[in-house]
Amino acid sequence: MAGNLGCVVVSVDGNEGSMDALRWALDNVKLRPSSPDSTQPPGHFLILYVQPPPSIAAGLNPGAIPFGGPTNLEVPAFTAAIEAHQKRITDAILNHALQICAEKK
């Protein structure tokens, strides 16, 4: 590919196929080189991960839950646990992608 690309966005998810796409891009896409006499910055890769919504209802409204549902205190704790879990997933995926980038240097 042309060696004058300023930015290439590669989307990744938990699927190994997306990591293979990242490897392919790192091996085959030619970015704009850094040059001391150039007015343009060197090219770069941008790794994108779009977090899907949780598969369970995180924004529960306690008033809408029949008898025996969570209390007002339980819902924020439940939501915080889901958010922490989603963050761990995101961190793991991005760390895997960054490890691939480091191996290609």
PDB file of N, CA and C in Angstrom:
ATOM      1  N   MET A   1       0.842  -1.184   0.000  1.00  0.00           N
ATOM      2  CA  MET A   1       0.000   0.000   0.000  1.00  0.00           C
ATOM      3  C   MET A   1       0.882   1.240   0.000  1.00  0.00           C
ATOM      4  N   ALA A   2       0.290   2.360  -0.324  1.00  0.00           N
ATOM      5  CA  ALA A   2       1.031   3.613  -0.403  1.00  0.00           C
ATOM      6  C   ALA A   2       1.707   3.923   0.921  1.00  0.00           C
ATOM      7  N   GLY A   3       2.868   4.531   0.867  1.00  0.00           N
ATOM      8  CA  GLY A   3       3.612   4.853   2.072  1.00  0.00           C
ATOM      9  C   GLY A   3       3.353   6.252   2.569  1.00  0.00           C
ATOM     10  N   ASN A   4       2.204   6.836   2.257  1.00  0.00           N
ATOM     11  CA  ASN A   4       1.921   8.204   2.651  1.00  0.00           C
ATOM     12  C   ASN A   4       0.670   8.304   3.514  1.00  0.00           C
ATOM     13  N   LEU A   5       0.268   7.213   4.141  1.00  0.00           N
ATOM     14  CA  LEU A   5      -0.931   7.240   4.974  1.00  0.00           C
ATOM     15  C   LEU A   5      -0.602   7.879   6.316  1.00  0.00           C
ATOM     16  N   GLY A   6      -1.452   8.803   6.739  1.00  0.00           N
ATOM     17  CA  GLY A   6      -1.221   9.494   8.000  1.00  0.00           C
ATOM     18  C   GLY A   6      -1.781   8.760   9.195  1.00  0.00           C
ATOM     19  N   CYS A   7      -2.905   8.077   9.002  1.00  0.00           N
ATOM     20  CA  CYS A   7      -3.539   7.374  10.113  1.00  0.00           C
ATOM     21  C   CYS A   7      -4.311   6.184   9.569  1.00  0.00           C
ATOM     22  N   VAL A   8      -4.139   5.050  10.212  1.00  0.00           N
ATOM     23  CA  VAL A   8      -4.888   3.846   9.858  1.00  0.00           C
ATOM     24  C   VAL A   8      -5.599   3.377  11.120  1.00  0.00           C
ATOM     25  N   VAL A   9      -6.916   3.196  11.023  1.00  0.00           N
ATOM     26  CA  VAL A   9      -7.713   2.733  12.153  1.00  0.00           C
ATOM     27  C   VAL A   9      -7.980   1.244  11.971  1.00  0.00           C
ATOM     28  N   VAL A  10      -7.644   0.463  12.997  1.00  0.00           N
ATOM     29  CA  VAL A  10      -7.903  -0.972  12.984  1.00  0.00           C
ATOM     30  C   VAL A  10      -8.807  -1.275  14.170  1.00  0.00           C
ATOM     31  N   SER A  11      -9.973  -1.827  13.878  1.00  0.00           N
ATOM     32  CA  SER A  11     -10.927  -2.165  14.925  1.00  0.00           C
ATOM     33  C   SER A  11     -10.666  -3.584  15.415  1.00  0.00           C
ATOM     34  N   VAL A  12     -10.657  -3.758  16.737  1.00  0.00           N
ATOM     35  CA  VAL A  12     -10.442  -5.077  17.323  1.00  0.00           C
ATOM     36  C   VAL A  12     -11.585  -5.406  18.274  1.00  0.00           C
ATOM     37  N   ASP A  13     -11.751  -6.696  18.510  1.00  0.00           N
ATOM     38  CA  ASP A  13     -12.696  -7.167  19.523  1.00  0.00           C
ATOM     39  C   ASP A  13     -12.066  -8.403  20.157  1.00  0.00           C
ATOM     40  N   GLY A  14     -12.803  -9.168  20.881  1.00  0.00           N
ATOM     41  CA  GLY A  14     -12.244 -10.339  21.530  1.00  0.00           C
ATOM     42  C   GLY A  14     -11.947 -11.486  20.589  1.00  0.00           C
ATOM     43  N   ASN A  15     -12.343 -11.370  19.346  1.00  0.00           N
ATOM     44  CA  ASN A  15     -12.176 -12.417  18.351  1.00  0.00           C
ATOM     45  C   ASN A  15     -10.738 -12.431  17.835  1.00  0.00           C
ATOM     46  N   GLU A  16     -10.139 -13.603  17.726  1.00  0.00           N
ATOM     47  CA  GLU A  16      -8.765 -13.701  17.229  1.00  0.00           C
ATOM     48  C   GLU A  16      -8.665 -13.250  15.772  1.00  0.00           C
ATOM     49  N   GLY A  17      -9.764 -13.323  15.026  1.00  0.00           N
ATOM     50  CA  GLY A  17      -9.760 -12.836  13.649  1.00  0.00           C
ATOM     51  C   GLY A  17      -9.451 -11.348  13.569  1.00  0.00           C
ATOM     52  N   SER A  18      -9.940 -10.575  14.524  1.00  0.00           N
ATOM     53  CA  SER A  18      -9.638  -9.143  14.515  1.00  0.00           C
ATOM     54  C   SER A  18      -8.167  -8.901  14.853  1.00  0.00           C
ATOM     55  N   MET A  19      -7.600  -9.754  15.688  1.00  0.00           N
ATOM     56  CA  MET A  19      -6.173  -9.624  16.000  1.00  0.00           C
ATOM     57  C   MET A  19      -5.329 -10.014  14.787  1.00  0.00           C
ATOM     58  N   ASP A  20      -5.813 -10.976  14.001  1.00  0.00           N
ATOM     59  CA  ASP A  20      -5.137 -11.321  12.747  1.00  0.00           C
ATOM     60  C   ASP A  20      -5.189 -10.142  11.778  1.00  0.00           C
ATOM     61  N   ALA A  21      -6.312  -9.430  11.752  1.00  0.00           N
ATOM     62  CA  ALA A  21      -6.431  -8.242  10.896  1.00  0.00           C
ATOM     63  C   ALA A  21      -5.439  -7.169  11.341  1.00  0.00           C
ATOM     64  N   LEU A  22      -5.265  -7.017  12.645  1.00  0.00           N
ATOM     65  CA  LEU A  22      -4.282  -6.061  13.159  1.00  0.00           C
ATOM     66  C   LEU A  22      -2.875  -6.472  12.729  1.00  0.00           C
ATOM     67  N   ARG A  23      -2.560  -7.752  12.866  1.00  0.00           N
ATOM     68  CA  ARG A  23      -1.239  -8.238  12.426  1.00  0.00           C
ATOM     69  C   ARG A  23      -1.035  -7.958  10.936  1.00  0.00           C
ATOM     70  N   TRP A  24      -2.065  -8.221  10.136  1.00  0.00           N
ATOM     71  CA  TRP A  24      -1.962  -7.988   8.699  1.00  0.00           C
ATOM     72  C   TRP A  24      -1.691  -6.510   8.429  1.00  0.00           C
ATOM     73  N   ALA A  25      -2.442  -5.638   9.092  1.00  0.00           N
ATOM     74  CA  ALA A  25      -2.252  -4.201   8.879  1.00  0.00           C
ATOM     75  C   ALA A  25      -0.840  -3.774   9.267  1.00  0.00           C
ATOM     76  N   LEU A  26      -0.358  -4.259  10.386  1.00  0.00           N
ATOM     77  CA  LEU A  26       0.993  -3.897  10.818  1.00  0.00           C
ATOM     78  C   LEU A  26       2.052  -4.391   9.837  1.00  0.00           C
ATOM     79  N   ASP A  27       1.811  -5.541   9.222  1.00  0.00           N
ATOM     80  CA  ASP A  27       2.771  -6.111   8.270  1.00  0.00           C
ATOM     81  C   ASP A  27       2.681  -5.493   6.879  1.00  0.00           C
ATOM     82  N   ASN A  28       1.499  -5.027   6.481  1.00  0.00           N
ATOM     83  CA  ASN A  28       1.286  -4.671   5.078  1.00  0.00           C
ATOM     84  C   ASN A  28       0.996  -3.207   4.787  1.00  0.00           C
ATOM     85  N   VAL A  29       0.498  -2.477   5.743  1.00  0.00           N
ATOM     86  CA  VAL A  29       0.158  -1.074   5.494  1.00  0.00           C
ATOM     87  C   VAL A  29       1.396  -0.218   5.734  1.00  0.00           C
ATOM     88  N   LYS A  30       1.702   0.628   4.783  1.00  0.00           N
ATOM     89  CA  LYS A  30       2.872   1.499   4.887  1.00  0.00           C
ATOM     90  C   LYS A  30       2.413   2.907   5.269  1.00  0.00           C
ATOM     91  N   LEU A  31       2.868   3.341   6.432  1.00  0.00           N
ATOM     92  CA  LEU A  31       2.513   4.663   6.919  1.00  0.00           C
ATOM     93  C   LEU A  31       3.520   5.698   6.452  1.00  0.00           C
ATOM     94  N   ARG A  32       3.115   6.957   6.543  1.00  0.00           N
ATOM     95  CA  ARG A  32       4.007   8.055   6.195  1.00  0.00           C
ATOM     96  C   ARG A  32       5.214   8.001   7.137  1.00  0.00           C
ATOM     97  N   PRO A  33       6.420   7.996   6.588  1.00  0.00           N
ATOM     98  CA  PRO A  33       7.613   7.917   7.447  1.00  0.00           C
ATOM     99  C   PRO A  33       7.859   9.234   8.180  1.00  0.00           C
ATOM    100  N   SER A  34       8.602   9.139   9.263  1.00  0.00           N
ATOM    101  CA  SER A  34       8.982  10.370   9.952  1.00  0.00           C
ATOM    102  C   SER A  34      10.194  10.937   9.232  1.00  0.00           C
ATOM    103  N   SER A  35      10.191  12.224   9.066  1.00  0.00           N
ATOM    104  CA  SER A  35      11.276  12.877   8.341  1.00  0.00           C
ATOM    105  C   SER A  35      11.545  14.226   9.000  1.00  0.00           C
ATOM    106  N   PRO A  36      12.805  14.522   9.308  1.00  0.00           N
ATOM    107  CA  PRO A  36      13.103  15.792   9.989  1.00  0.00           C
ATOM    108  C   PRO A  36      12.746  17.022   9.164  1.00  0.00           C
ATOM    109  N   ASP A  37      12.759  16.913   7.837  1.00  0.00           N
ATOM    110  CA  ASP A  37      12.459  18.076   7.002  1.00  0.00           C
ATOM    111  C   ASP A  37      11.002  18.117   6.545  1.00  0.00           C
ATOM    112  N   SER A  38      10.175  17.215   7.046  1.00  0.00           N
ATOM    113  CA  SER A  38       8.767  17.174   6.653  1.00  0.00           C
ATOM    114  C   SER A  38       7.932  18.025   7.605  1.00  0.00           C
ATOM    115  N   THR A  39       6.919  18.669   7.052  1.00  0.00           N
ATOM    116  CA  THR A  39       5.991  19.447   7.882  1.00  0.00           C
ATOM    117  C   THR A  39       4.858  18.571   8.400  1.00  0.00           C
ATOM    118  N   GLN A  40       4.747  17.357   7.862  1.00  0.00           N
ATOM    119  CA  GLN A  40       3.682  16.450   8.283  1.00  0.00           C
ATOM    120  C   GLN A  40       4.208  15.476   9.333  1.00  0.00           C
ATOM    121  N   PRO A  41       3.380  15.180  10.342  1.00  0.00           N
ATOM    122  CA  PRO A  41       3.816  14.206  11.347  1.00  0.00           C
ATOM    123  C   PRO A  41       3.869  12.809  10.743  1.00  0.00           C
ATOM    124  N   PRO A  42       4.637  11.911  11.365  1.00  0.00           N
ATOM    125  CA  PRO A  42       4.681  10.535  10.850  1.00  0.00           C
ATOM    126  C   PRO A  42       3.322   9.866  11.000  1.00  0.00           C
ATOM    127  N   GLY A  43       3.079   8.855  10.164  1.00  0.00           N
ATOM    128  CA  GLY A  43       1.822   8.127  10.236  1.00  0.00           C
ATOM    129  C   GLY A  43       1.730   7.290  11.498  1.00  0.00           C
ATOM    130  N   HIS A  44       0.508   6.908  11.845  1.00  0.00           N
ATOM    131  CA  HIS A  44       0.311   6.098  13.040  1.00  0.00           C
ATOM    132  C   HIS A  44      -0.916   5.208  12.891  1.00  0.00           C
ATOM    133  N   PHE A  45      -0.930   4.161  13.687  1.00  0.00           N
ATOM    134  CA  PHE A  45      -2.080   3.273  13.773  1.00  0.00           C
ATOM    135  C   PHE A  45      -2.926   3.697  14.960  1.00  0.00           C
ATOM    136  N   LEU A  46      -4.222   3.598  14.802  1.00  0.00           N
ATOM    137  CA  LEU A  46      -5.163   3.833  15.891  1.00  0.00           C
ATOM    138  C   LEU A  46      -5.944   2.542  16.081  1.00  0.00           C
ATOM    139  N   ILE A  47      -5.850   1.970  17.268  1.00  0.00           N
ATOM    140  CA  ILE A  47      -6.580   0.736  17.568  1.00  0.00           C
ATOM    141  C   ILE A  47      -7.901   1.126  18.203  1.00  0.00           C
ATOM    142  N   LEU A  48      -8.989   0.636  17.632  1.00  0.00           N
ATOM    143  CA  LEU A  48     -10.333   0.991  18.086  1.00  0.00           C
ATOM    144  C   LEU A  48     -11.032  -0.238  18.636  1.00  0.00           C
ATOM    145  N   TYR A  49     -11.580  -0.095  19.822  1.00  0.00           N
ATOM    146  CA  TYR A  49     -12.427  -1.139  20.405  1.00  0.00           C
ATOM    147  C   TYR A  49     -13.710  -0.471  20.862  1.00  0.00           C
ATOM    148  N   VAL A  50     -14.822  -0.909  20.327  1.00  0.00           N
ATOM    149  CA  VAL A  50     -16.126  -0.386  20.724  1.00  0.00           C
ATOM    150  C   VAL A  50     -16.765  -1.419  21.636  1.00  0.00           C
ATOM    151  N   GLN A  51     -16.959  -1.016  22.864  1.00  0.00           N
ATOM    152  CA  GLN A  51     -17.494  -1.941  23.859  1.00  0.00           C
ATOM    153  C   GLN A  51     -18.991  -2.140  23.651  1.00  0.00           C
ATOM    154  N   PRO A  52     -19.412  -3.391  23.478  1.00  0.00           N
ATOM    155  CA  PRO A  52     -20.847  -3.641  23.335  1.00  0.00           C
ATOM    156  C   PRO A  52     -21.543  -3.439  24.678  1.00  0.00           C
ATOM    157  N   PRO A  53     -22.835  -3.178  24.648  1.00  0.00           N
ATOM    158  CA  PRO A  53     -23.543  -3.044  25.918  1.00  0.00           C
ATOM    159  C   PRO A  53     -23.544  -4.377  26.648  1.00  0.00           C
ATOM    160  N   PRO A  54     -23.638  -4.337  27.970  1.00  0.00           N
ATOM    161  CA  PRO A  54     -23.676  -5.601  28.706  1.00  0.00           C
ATOM    162  C   PRO A  54     -24.881  -6.424  28.289  1.00  0.00           C
ATOM    163  N   SER A  55     -24.736  -7.725  28.401  1.00  0.00           N
ATOM    164  CA  SER A  55     -25.809  -8.605  27.948  1.00  0.00           C
ATOM    165  C   SER A  55     -26.940  -8.716  28.962  1.00  0.00           C
ATOM    166  N   ILE A  56     -26.748  -8.110  30.122  1.00  0.00           N
ATOM    167  CA  ILE A  56     -27.828  -8.084  31.102  1.00  0.00           C
ATOM    168  C   ILE A  56     -28.173  -6.637  31.402  1.00  0.00           C
ATOM    169  N   ALA A  57     -29.350  -6.396  31.921  1.00  0.00           N
ATOM    170  CA  ALA A  57     -29.820  -5.029  32.150  1.00  0.00           C
ATOM    171  C   ALA A  57     -29.033  -4.380  33.282  1.00  0.00           C
ATOM    172  N   ALA A  58     -28.222  -3.384  32.943  1.00  0.00           N
ATOM    173  CA  ALA A  58     -27.420  -2.703  33.959  1.00  0.00           C
ATOM    174  C   ALA A  58     -28.156  -1.512  34.547  1.00  0.00           C
ATOM    175  N   GLY A  59     -29.076  -0.942  33.831  1.00  0.00           N
ATOM    176  CA  GLY A  59     -29.768   0.245  34.301  1.00  0.00           C
ATOM    177  C   GLY A  59     -31.121  -0.079  34.877  1.00  0.00           C
ATOM    178  N   LEU A  60     -31.177  -1.041  35.736  1.00  0.00           N
ATOM    179  CA  LEU A  60     -32.456  -1.450  36.312  1.00  0.00           C
ATOM    180  C   LEU A  60     -33.067  -0.333  37.141  1.00  0.00           C
ATOM    181  N   ASN A  61     -34.354  -0.221  37.058  1.00  0.00           N
ATOM    182  CA  ASN A  61     -35.086   0.741  37.865  1.00  0.00           C
ATOM    183  C   ASN A  61     -35.792  -0.044  38.962  1.00  0.00           C
ATOM    184  N   PRO A  62     -35.371   0.098  40.221  1.00  0.00           N
ATOM    185  CA  PRO A  62     -35.957  -0.714  41.280  1.00  0.00           C
ATOM    186  C   PRO A  62     -37.464  -0.561  41.399  1.00  0.00           C
ATOM    187  N   GLY A  63     -38.004   0.589  41.020  1.00  0.00           N
ATOM    188  CA  GLY A  63     -39.447   0.777  41.126  1.00  0.00           C
ATOM    189  C   GLY A  63     -40.217  -0.104  40.160  1.00  0.00           C
ATOM    190  N   ALA A  64     -39.575  -0.549  39.096  1.00  0.00           N
ATOM    191  CA  ALA A  64     -40.267  -1.336  38.077  1.00  0.00           C
ATOM    192  C   ALA A  64     -40.150  -2.835  38.332  1.00  0.00           C
ATOM    193  N   ILE A  65     -39.418  -3.223  39.362  1.00  0.00           N
ATOM    194  CA  ILE A  65     -39.207  -4.644  39.637  1.00  0.00           C
ATOM    195  C   ILE A  65     -40.233  -5.107  40.661  1.00  0.00           C
ATOM    196  N   PRO A  66     -40.896  -6.219  40.405  1.00  0.00           N
ATOM    197  CA  PRO A  66     -41.895  -6.694  41.368  1.00  0.00           C
ATOM    198  C   PRO A  66     -41.262  -7.110  42.689  1.00  0.00           C
ATOM    199  N   PHE A  67     -42.094  -7.492  43.638  1.00  0.00           N
ATOM    200  CA  PHE A  67     -41.658  -7.865  44.985  1.00  0.00           C
ATOM    201  C   PHE A  67     -40.419  -8.745  44.938  1.00  0.00           C
ATOM    202  N   GLY A  68     -39.489  -8.462  45.839  1.00  0.00           N
ATOM    203  CA  GLY A  68     -38.278  -9.273  45.923  1.00  0.00           C
ATOM    204  C   GLY A  68     -37.147  -8.777  45.039  1.00  0.00           C
ATOM    205  N   GLY A  69     -37.360  -7.661  44.337  1.00  0.00           N
ATOM    206  CA  GLY A  69     -36.311  -7.110  43.477  1.00  0.00           C
ATOM    207  C   GLY A  69     -35.240  -6.418  44.297  1.00  0.00           C
ATOM    208  N   PRO A  70     -34.197  -5.916  43.625  1.00  0.00           N
ATOM    209  CA  PRO A  70     -33.106  -5.268  44.343  1.00  0.00           C
ATOM    210  C   PRO A  70     -33.564  -3.975  45.007  1.00  0.00           C
ATOM    211  N   THR A  71     -32.871  -3.603  46.068  1.00  0.00           N
ATOM    212  CA  THR A  71     -33.173  -2.352  46.754  1.00  0.00           C
ATOM    213  C   THR A  71     -32.419  -1.221  46.074  1.00  0.00           C
ATOM    214  N   ASN A  72     -32.684   0.005  46.527  1.00  0.00           N
ATOM    215  CA  ASN A  72     -31.981   1.165  45.974  1.00  0.00           C
ATOM    216  C   ASN A  72     -30.476   1.070  46.200  1.00  0.00           C
ATOM    217  N   LEU A  73     -30.057   0.385  47.252  1.00  0.00           N
ATOM    218  CA  LEU A  73     -28.630   0.242  47.527  1.00  0.00           C
ATOM    219  C   LEU A  73     -27.983  -0.827  46.663  1.00  0.00           C
ATOM    220  N   GLU A  74     -28.730  -1.839  46.284  1.00  0.00           N
ATOM    221  CA  GLU A  74     -28.162  -2.946  45.515  1.00  0.00           C
ATOM    222  C   GLU A  74     -27.929  -2.587  44.055  1.00  0.00           C
ATOM    223  N   VAL A  75     -28.790  -1.772  43.470  1.00  0.00           N
ATOM    224  CA  VAL A  75     -28.669  -1.456  42.042  1.00  0.00           C
ATOM    225  C   VAL A  75     -27.361  -0.740  41.727  1.00  0.00           C
ATOM    226  N   PRO A  76     -26.951   0.308  42.471  1.00  0.00           N
ATOM    227  CA  PRO A  76     -25.652   0.931  42.164  1.00  0.00           C
ATOM    228  C   PRO A  76     -24.486  -0.049  42.297  1.00  0.00           C
ATOM    229  N   ALA A  77     -24.529  -0.926  43.285  1.00  0.00           N
ATOM    230  CA  ALA A  77     -23.451  -1.908  43.442  1.00  0.00           C
ATOM    231  C   ALA A  77     -23.439  -2.880  42.269  1.00  0.00           C
ATOM    232  N   PHE A  78     -24.613  -3.280  41.827  1.00  0.00           N
ATOM    233  CA  PHE A  78     -24.741  -4.178  40.679  1.00  0.00           C
ATOM    234  C   PHE A  78     -24.200  -3.501  39.425  1.00  0.00           C
ATOM    235  N   THR A  79     -24.583  -2.243  39.224  1.00  0.00           N
ATOM    236  CA  THR A  79     -24.116  -1.485  38.065  1.00  0.00           C
ATOM    237  C   THR A  79     -22.600  -1.319  38.114  1.00  0.00           C
ATOM    238  N   ALA A  80     -22.058  -1.012  39.287  1.00  0.00           N
ATOM    239  CA  ALA A  80     -20.605  -0.853  39.425  1.00  0.00           C
ATOM    240  C   ALA A  80     -19.877  -2.157  39.112  1.00  0.00           C
ATOM    241  N   ALA A  81     -20.444  -3.279  39.532  1.00  0.00           N
ATOM    242  CA  ALA A  81     -19.822  -4.579  39.245  1.00  0.00           C
ATOM    243  C   ALA A  81     -19.809  -4.857  37.747  1.00  0.00           C
ATOM    244  N   ILE A  82     -20.894  -4.531  37.068  1.00  0.00           N
ATOM    245  CA  ILE A  82     -20.959  -4.728  35.615  1.00  0.00           C
ATOM    246  C   ILE A  82     -19.945  -3.830  34.918  1.00  0.00           C
ATOM    247  N   GLU A  83     -19.873  -2.559  35.337  1.00  0.00           N
ATOM    248  CA  GLU A  83     -18.923  -1.633  34.726  1.00  0.00           C
ATOM    249  C   GLU A  83     -17.484  -2.097  34.945  1.00  0.00           C
ATOM    250  N   ALA A  84     -17.174  -2.603  36.133  1.00  0.00           N
ATOM    251  CA  ALA A  84     -15.825  -3.101  36.412  1.00  0.00           C
ATOM    252  C   ALA A  84     -15.505  -4.309  35.533  1.00  0.00           C
ATOM    253  N   HIS A  85     -16.484  -5.177  35.353  1.00  0.00           N
ATOM    254  CA  HIS A  85     -16.294  -6.350  34.493  1.00  0.00           C
ATOM    255  C   HIS A  85     -16.056  -5.916  33.046  1.00  0.00           C
ATOM    256  N   GLN A  86     -16.840  -4.960  32.562  1.00  0.00           N
ATOM    257  CA  GLN A  86     -16.670  -4.456  31.192  1.00  0.00           C
ATOM    258  C   GLN A  86     -15.284  -3.826  31.028  1.00  0.00           C
ATOM    259  N   LYS A  87     -14.814  -3.101  32.044  1.00  0.00           N
ATOM    260  CA  LYS A  87     -13.489  -2.484  31.969  1.00  0.00           C
ATOM    261  C   LYS A  87     -12.400  -3.553  31.898  1.00  0.00           C
ATOM    262  N   ARG A  88     -12.547  -4.632  32.669  1.00  0.00           N
ATOM    263  CA  ARG A  88     -11.555  -5.722  32.610  1.00  0.00           C
ATOM    264  C   ARG A  88     -11.511  -6.338  31.215  1.00  0.00           C
ATOM    265  N   ILE A  89     -12.673  -6.508  30.595  1.00  0.00           N
ATOM    266  CA  ILE A  89     -12.727  -7.057  29.234  1.00  0.00           C
ATOM    267  C   ILE A  89     -12.025  -6.114  28.264  1.00  0.00           C
ATOM    268  N   THR A  90     -12.354  -4.825  28.341  1.00  0.00           N
ATOM    269  CA  THR A  90     -11.739  -3.830  27.461  1.00  0.00           C
ATOM    270  C   THR A  90     -10.225  -3.811  27.646  1.00  0.00           C
ATOM    271  N   ASP A  91      -9.779  -3.782  28.892  1.00  0.00           N
ATOM    272  CA  ASP A  91      -8.335  -3.762  29.160  1.00  0.00           C
ATOM    273  C   ASP A  91      -7.642  -4.993  28.586  1.00  0.00           C
ATOM    274  N   ALA A  92      -8.249  -6.157  28.735  1.00  0.00           N
ATOM    275  CA  ALA A  92      -7.644  -7.393  28.221  1.00  0.00           C
ATOM    276  C   ALA A  92      -7.527  -7.357  26.699  1.00  0.00           C
ATOM    277  N   ILE A  93      -8.571  -6.891  26.028  1.00  0.00           N
ATOM    278  CA  ILE A  93      -8.551  -6.834  24.560  1.00  0.00           C
ATOM    279  C   ILE A  93      -7.506  -5.836  24.074  1.00  0.00           C
ATOM    280  N   LEU A  94      -7.488  -4.637  24.662  1.00  0.00           N
ATOM    281  CA  LEU A  94      -6.525  -3.629  24.224  1.00  0.00           C
ATOM    282  C   LEU A  94      -5.091  -4.026  24.583  1.00  0.00           C
ATOM    283  N   ASN A  95      -4.893  -4.653  25.727  1.00  0.00           N
ATOM    284  CA  ASN A  95      -3.546  -5.124  26.076  1.00  0.00           C
ATOM    285  C   ASN A  95      -3.060  -6.183  25.095  1.00  0.00           C
ATOM    286  N   HIS A  96      -3.954  -7.065  24.665  1.00  0.00           N
ATOM    287  CA  HIS A  96      -3.589  -8.074  23.664  1.00  0.00           C
ATOM    288  C   HIS A  96      -3.182  -7.386  22.360  1.00  0.00           C
ATOM    289  N   ALA A  97      -3.958  -6.389  21.935  1.00  0.00           N
ATOM    290  CA  ALA A  97      -3.639  -5.664  20.701  1.00  0.00           C
ATOM    291  C   ALA A  97      -2.304  -4.931  20.832  1.00  0.00           C
ATOM    292  N   LEU A  98      -2.063  -4.304  21.973  1.00  0.00           N
ATOM    293  CA  LEU A  98      -0.798  -3.590  22.174  1.00  0.00           C
ATOM    294  C   LEU A  98       0.390  -4.546  22.221  1.00  0.00           C
ATOM    295  N   GLN A  99       0.175  -5.740  22.745  1.00  0.00           N
ATOM    296  CA  GLN A  99       1.236  -6.755  22.758  1.00  0.00           C
ATOM    297  C   GLN A  99       1.598  -7.149  21.322  1.00  0.00           C
ATOM    298  N   ILE A 100       0.596  -7.292  20.472  1.00  0.00           N
ATOM    299  CA  ILE A 100       0.844  -7.607  19.061  1.00  0.00           C
ATOM    300  C   ILE A 100       1.648  -6.486  18.413  1.00  0.00           C
ATOM    301  N   CYS A 101       1.279  -5.233  18.701  1.00  0.00           N
ATOM    302  CA  CYS A 101       2.016  -4.096  18.143  1.00  0.00           C
ATOM    303  C   CYS A 101       3.468  -4.104  18.614  1.00  0.00           C
ATOM    304  N   ALA A 102       3.680  -4.391  19.889  1.00  0.00           N
ATOM    305  CA  ALA A 102       5.044  -4.411  20.434  1.00  0.00           C
ATOM    306  C   ALA A 102       5.883  -5.503  19.777  1.00  0.00           C
ATOM    307  N   GLU A 103       5.267  -6.641  19.471  1.00  0.00           N
ATOM    308  CA  GLU A 103       5.989  -7.740  18.821  1.00  0.00           C
ATOM    309  C   GLU A 103       6.395  -7.383  17.400  1.00  0.00           C
ATOM    310  N   LYS A 104       5.661  -6.474  16.764  1.00  0.00           N
ATOM    311  CA  LYS A 104       5.931  -6.114  15.368  1.00  0.00           C
ATOM    312  C   LYS A 104       6.956  -4.996  15.236  1.00  0.00           C
ATOM    313  N   LYS A 105       7.373  -4.402  16.347  1.00  0.00           N
ATOM    314  CA  LYS A 105       8.341  -3.296  16.271  1.00  0.00           C
ATOM    315  C   LYS A 105       9.677  -3.768  15.790  1.00  0.00           C
TER     316      LYS A 105
END
